[in-house]
Each structure stands twice: as structure tokens, then as C-alpha cells.
């Protein structure tokens, strides 16, 4: 069976969806809270403080690089090796971002996880699905090249 270049690039569509969703979720972490509570040493007693990606310089850098990397990887569908590398790097950055989020929680006395923490938790899952899809496509193209 012969596959044209158009059909092979059509296979790439699901990874693009995962990467786009990961990029959007990464951008949403700047606005929506991961954790809300009362900070240790805060002089205002009734001041509920939210932990977002924009509340810490390291989180800003990690969330921005994850979102930009995911978005750039969408357009690299013709170079699967580079797309796979960038997506894996974004996956590592998103996991590192979660580690920073959980380490920042110790700065709060009382608090709770926000429902919108799902955005930060969803990013590594979406990137993993994209990596898996890119890898499967790479295997498919290699097997098609062997048949020629």
C-alpha cells in the first residue's frame, strides 16, 4: 500500500491537538490559581493569596518555556526528530514546574488546592500523549520506508 506525503502528514494531526491543548493549558496557569491560602508571615490576617505561574519568577520562566515550546513543536511536523526533542524538553519543564508548585505550597499556613490546578496537572499528560503519538508516527514512517 502506498502512502502519499499528504496522508503521512494527516497522521500528525492528533499530536498537534495535544500540543495545542498543552500550550493553552500552560498559558492558563498564569491566570488561574494552583493553590490558595494564607502565607506564613503575612501581616494581613484575612488576605487569601493565590499561587499562580505568575507569582514566582521560576514558575514564570518554566510555564512560558513549556507553552512556547509546545506551540513551536506544532509547526515542526515535517521534522519529527526535532519535534520529539522539543516536546520531551517541554515535558521535562512541565514536570519541573509541578515540583516548584509543590515546593511553594510549604510557604502557606492554611490553604487548599484550587480546581484550576487541573491545568498544571494536565500539561505533562498532554505532552506525554504528544510524545507517544510522534514516536508512533516515526515508527510508521520508518516501516513505510523499509517497504519501498
C-alpha atoms as a PDB file:
ATOM      1  CA  UNK A   1       0.000   0.000   0.000  1.00  0.00           C
ATOM      2  CA  UNK A   2       1.401   3.368  -0.999  1.00  0.00           C
ATOM      3  CA  UNK A   3       1.113   6.389   1.315  1.00  0.00           C
ATOM      4  CA  UNK A   4       1.475   9.863  -0.102  1.00  0.00           C
ATOM      5  CA  UNK A   5       3.063  12.744   1.792  1.00  0.00           C
ATOM      6  CA  UNK A   6      -0.373  14.229   2.441  1.00  0.00           C
ATOM      7  CA  UNK A   7      -1.614  11.080   4.148  1.00  0.00           C
ATOM      8  CA  UNK A   8       1.501  10.853   6.310  1.00  0.00           C
ATOM      9  CA  UNK A   9       1.134  14.488   7.399  1.00  0.00           C
ATOM     10  CA  UNK A  10      -2.526  13.802   8.206  1.00  0.00           C
ATOM     11  CA  UNK A  11      -1.354  11.258  10.783  1.00  0.00           C
ATOM     12  CA  UNK A  12       0.340  14.133  12.574  1.00  0.00           C
ATOM     13  CA  UNK A  13      -2.937  15.887  13.415  1.00  0.00           C
ATOM     14  CA  UNK A  14      -3.610  14.294  16.820  1.00  0.00           C
ATOM     15  CA  UNK A  15      -0.188  15.311  18.135  1.00  0.00           C
ATOM     16  CA  UNK A  16      -0.912  18.852  17.052  1.00  0.00           C
ATOM     17  CA  UNK A  17      -4.117  18.802  19.074  1.00  0.00           C
ATOM     18  CA  UNK A  18      -2.288  17.524  22.182  1.00  0.00           C
ATOM     19  CA  UNK A  19       0.458  20.114  21.746  1.00  0.00           C
ATOM     20  CA  UNK A  20      -2.045  22.943  21.245  1.00  0.00           C
ATOM     21  CA  UNK A  21      -4.006  21.916  24.340  1.00  0.00           C
ATOM     22  CA  UNK A  22      -0.778  21.732  26.374  1.00  0.00           C
ATOM     23  CA  UNK A  23       0.210  25.192  25.159  1.00  0.00           C
ATOM     24  CA  UNK A  24      -3.185  26.641  26.069  1.00  0.00           C
ATOM     25  CA  UNK A  25      -3.136  24.959  29.492  1.00  0.00           C
ATOM     26  CA  UNK A  26       0.334  26.366  30.100  1.00  0.00           C
ATOM     27  CA  UNK A  27      -0.865  29.872  29.325  1.00  0.00           C
ATOM     28  CA  UNK A  28      -3.908  29.411  31.564  1.00  0.00           C
ATOM     29  CA  UNK A  29      -1.660  28.689  34.546  1.00  0.00           C
ATOM     30  CA  UNK A  30      -0.628  32.351  34.512  1.00  0.00           C
ATOM     31  CA  UNK A  31      -4.181  33.450  35.233  1.00  0.00           C
ATOM     32  CA  UNK A  32      -5.712  30.662  37.286  1.00  0.00           C
ATOM     33  CA  UNK A  33      -4.670  29.569  40.761  1.00  0.00           C
ATOM     34  CA  UNK A  34      -2.920  26.321  41.614  1.00  0.00           C
ATOM     35  CA  UNK A  35      -3.206  26.768  45.379  1.00  0.00           C
ATOM     36  CA  UNK A  36      -4.867  29.354  47.592  1.00  0.00           C
ATOM     37  CA  UNK A  37      -4.182  30.020  51.227  1.00  0.00           C
ATOM     38  CA  UNK A  38      -2.690  32.232  53.902  1.00  0.00           C
ATOM     39  CA  UNK A  39       1.023  32.831  53.543  1.00  0.00           C
ATOM     40  CA  UNK A  40       3.345  32.328  56.506  1.00  0.00           C
ATOM     41  CA  UNK A  41       4.448  35.655  57.955  1.00  0.00           C
ATOM     42  CA  UNK A  42       1.747  37.655  56.175  1.00  0.00           C
ATOM     43  CA  UNK A  43       0.767  40.679  58.310  1.00  0.00           C
ATOM     44  CA  UNK A  44      -2.747  40.970  56.871  1.00  0.00           C
ATOM     45  CA  UNK A  45      -4.787  38.200  58.518  1.00  0.00           C
ATOM     46  CA  UNK A  46      -7.668  37.830  56.089  1.00  0.00           C
ATOM     47  CA  UNK A  47      -5.618  38.118  52.914  1.00  0.00           C
ATOM     48  CA  UNK A  48      -6.073  34.951  50.837  1.00  0.00           C
ATOM     49  CA  UNK A  49      -3.132  34.607  48.449  1.00  0.00           C
ATOM     50  CA  UNK A  50      -3.219  32.517  45.279  1.00  0.00           C
ATOM     51  CA  UNK A  51      -0.262  30.619  43.877  1.00  0.00           C
ATOM     52  CA  UNK A  52      -0.196  31.028  40.099  1.00  0.00           C
ATOM     53  CA  UNK A  53       2.538  30.716  37.497  1.00  0.00           C
ATOM     54  CA  UNK A  54       2.973  34.491  37.620  1.00  0.00           C
ATOM     55  CA  UNK A  55       3.641  34.565  41.368  1.00  0.00           C
ATOM     56  CA  UNK A  56       7.213  33.274  41.160  1.00  0.00           C
ATOM     57  CA  UNK A  57       9.992  34.087  38.661  1.00  0.00           C
ATOM     58  CA  UNK A  58      10.976  30.444  38.221  1.00  0.00           C
ATOM     59  CA  UNK A  59       7.352  29.468  37.576  1.00  0.00           C
ATOM     60  CA  UNK A  60       7.029  32.285  35.024  1.00  0.00           C
ATOM     61  CA  UNK A  61      10.072  31.011  33.136  1.00  0.00           C
ATOM     62  CA  UNK A  62       9.036  27.351  33.285  1.00  0.00           C
ATOM     63  CA  UNK A  63       5.419  27.977  32.250  1.00  0.00           C
ATOM     64  CA  UNK A  64       6.438  30.309  29.421  1.00  0.00           C
ATOM     65  CA  UNK A  65       9.049  27.900  28.057  1.00  0.00           C
ATOM     66  CA  UNK A  66       6.607  24.992  28.273  1.00  0.00           C
ATOM     67  CA  UNK A  67       3.887  26.910  26.443  1.00  0.00           C
ATOM     68  CA  UNK A  68       6.177  28.332  23.774  1.00  0.00           C
ATOM     69  CA  UNK A  69       7.943  25.005  23.254  1.00  0.00           C
ATOM     70  CA  UNK A  70       4.631  23.182  22.860  1.00  0.00           C
ATOM     71  CA  UNK A  71       3.390  25.770  20.398  1.00  0.00           C
ATOM     72  CA  UNK A  72       6.581  25.722  18.323  1.00  0.00           C
ATOM     73  CA  UNK A  73       6.553  21.913  18.207  1.00  0.00           C
ATOM     74  CA  UNK A  74       3.190  22.012  16.419  1.00  0.00           C
ATOM     75  CA  UNK A  75       4.816  23.522  13.337  1.00  0.00           C
ATOM     76  CA  UNK A  76       7.721  21.074  13.239  1.00  0.00           C
ATOM     77  CA  UNK A  77       5.630  18.183  11.913  1.00  0.00           C
ATOM     78  CA  UNK A  78       7.959  17.706   8.923  1.00  0.00           C
ATOM     79  CA  UNK A  79      10.976  17.187  11.196  1.00  0.00           C
ATOM     80  CA  UNK A  80       9.756  14.593  13.679  1.00  0.00           C
ATOM     81  CA  UNK A  81      13.103  14.166  15.456  1.00  0.00           C
ATOM     82  CA  UNK A  82      13.269  17.859  16.360  1.00  0.00           C
ATOM     83  CA  UNK A  83       9.572  17.880  17.240  1.00  0.00           C
ATOM     84  CA  UNK A  84      10.110  14.911  19.539  1.00  0.00           C
ATOM     85  CA  UNK A  85      13.101  16.552  21.249  1.00  0.00           C
ATOM     86  CA  UNK A  86      11.284  19.834  21.847  1.00  0.00           C
ATOM     87  CA  UNK A  87       8.214  18.025  23.148  1.00  0.00           C
ATOM     88  CA  UNK A  88      10.320  15.936  25.549  1.00  0.00           C
ATOM     89  CA  UNK A  89      12.044  19.106  26.780  1.00  0.00           C
ATOM     90  CA  UNK A  90       8.636  20.733  27.328  1.00  0.00           C
ATOM     91  CA  UNK A  91       7.536  17.614  29.210  1.00  0.00           C
ATOM     92  CA  UNK A  92      10.592  17.811  31.481  1.00  0.00           C
ATOM     93  CA  UNK A  93       9.966  21.526  32.080  1.00  0.00           C
ATOM     94  CA  UNK A  94       6.319  20.891  32.952  1.00  0.00           C
ATOM     95  CA  UNK A  95       7.247  18.211  35.476  1.00  0.00           C
ATOM     96  CA  UNK A  96       9.855  20.567  36.947  1.00  0.00           C
ATOM     97  CA  UNK A  97       7.146  23.227  37.127  1.00  0.00           C
ATOM     98  CA  UNK A  98       4.955  20.870  39.169  1.00  0.00           C
ATOM     99  CA  UNK A  99       7.864  20.244  41.538  1.00  0.00           C
ATOM    100  CA  UNK A 100       8.235  24.004  42.029  1.00  0.00           C
ATOM    101  CA  UNK A 101       4.482  24.378  42.621  1.00  0.00           C
ATOM    102  CA  UNK A 102       4.521  21.715  45.332  1.00  0.00           C
ATOM    103  CA  UNK A 103       7.647  23.170  46.930  1.00  0.00           C
ATOM    104  CA  UNK A 104       5.971  26.587  47.092  1.00  0.00           C
ATOM    105  CA  UNK A 105       2.986  25.157  48.967  1.00  0.00           C
ATOM    106  CA  UNK A 106       5.107  24.831  52.131  1.00  0.00           C
ATOM    107  CA  UNK A 107       5.106  28.660  52.340  1.00  0.00           C
ATOM    108  CA  UNK A 108       1.393  28.616  53.175  1.00  0.00           C
ATOM    109  CA  UNK A 109      -0.115  28.036  56.632  1.00  0.00           C
ATOM    110  CA  UNK A 110      -3.626  27.014  55.683  1.00  0.00           C
ATOM    111  CA  UNK A 111      -4.963  26.567  52.223  1.00  0.00           C
ATOM    112  CA  UNK A 112      -6.425  24.334  49.581  1.00  0.00           C
ATOM    113  CA  UNK A 113      -5.771  23.255  46.040  1.00  0.00           C
ATOM    114  CA  UNK A 114      -7.830  25.142  43.513  1.00  0.00           C
ATOM    115  CA  UNK A 115      -9.985  23.361  40.975  1.00  0.00           C
ATOM    116  CA  UNK A 116      -7.988  25.120  38.271  1.00  0.00           C
ATOM    117  CA  UNK A 117      -4.846  23.253  39.395  1.00  0.00           C
ATOM    118  CA  UNK A 118      -6.014  20.708  36.847  1.00  0.00           C
ATOM    119  CA  UNK A 119      -4.440  22.890  34.122  1.00  0.00           C
ATOM    120  CA  UNK A 120      -0.953  22.484  35.577  1.00  0.00           C
ATOM    121  CA  UNK A 121      -1.505  18.779  36.200  1.00  0.00           C
ATOM    122  CA  UNK A 122      -2.865  18.228  32.689  1.00  0.00           C
ATOM    123  CA  UNK A 123       0.147  19.673  30.842  1.00  0.00           C
ATOM    124  CA  UNK A 124       2.534  16.700  31.388  1.00  0.00           C
ATOM    125  CA  UNK A 125      -0.238  14.260  30.473  1.00  0.00           C
ATOM    126  CA  UNK A 126      -0.957  16.070  27.206  1.00  0.00           C
ATOM    127  CA  UNK A 127       2.727  16.311  26.379  1.00  0.00           C
ATOM    128  CA  UNK A 128       3.189  12.612  27.101  1.00  0.00           C
ATOM    129  CA  UNK A 129       0.349  11.805  24.702  1.00  0.00           C
ATOM    130  CA  UNK A 130       2.004  14.005  22.077  1.00  0.00           C
ATOM    131  CA  UNK A 131       5.385  12.284  22.574  1.00  0.00           C
ATOM    132  CA  UNK A 132       3.734   8.899  22.241  1.00  0.00           C
ATOM    133  CA  UNK A 133       1.955   9.932  19.041  1.00  0.00           C
ATOM    134  CA  UNK A 134       5.080  11.441  17.486  1.00  0.00           C
ATOM    135  CA  UNK A 135       7.037   8.288  18.300  1.00  0.00           C
ATOM    136  CA  UNK A 136       4.350   6.088  16.715  1.00  0.00           C
ATOM    137  CA  UNK A 137       4.396   8.243  13.592  1.00  0.00           C
ATOM    138  CA  UNK A 138       8.164   7.994  13.427  1.00  0.00           C
ATOM    139  CA  UNK A 139       7.945   4.196  13.612  1.00  0.00           C
ATOM    140  CA  UNK A 140       5.242   4.147  10.925  1.00  0.00           C
ATOM    141  CA  UNK A 141       7.273   6.270   8.521  1.00  0.00           C
ATOM    142  CA  UNK A 142      10.370   4.102   9.094  1.00  0.00           C
ATOM    143  CA  UNK A 143       8.372   0.956   8.370  1.00  0.00           C
ATOM    144  CA  UNK A 144       6.972   2.532   5.203  1.00  0.00           C
ATOM    145  CA  UNK A 145      10.473   3.452   4.083  1.00  0.00           C
ATOM    146  CA  UNK A 146      11.560  -0.171   4.528  1.00  0.00           C
ATOM    147  CA  UNK A 147       8.746  -1.342   2.249  1.00  0.00           C
ATOM    148  CA  UNK A 148       9.884   0.875  -0.633  1.00  0.00           C
END
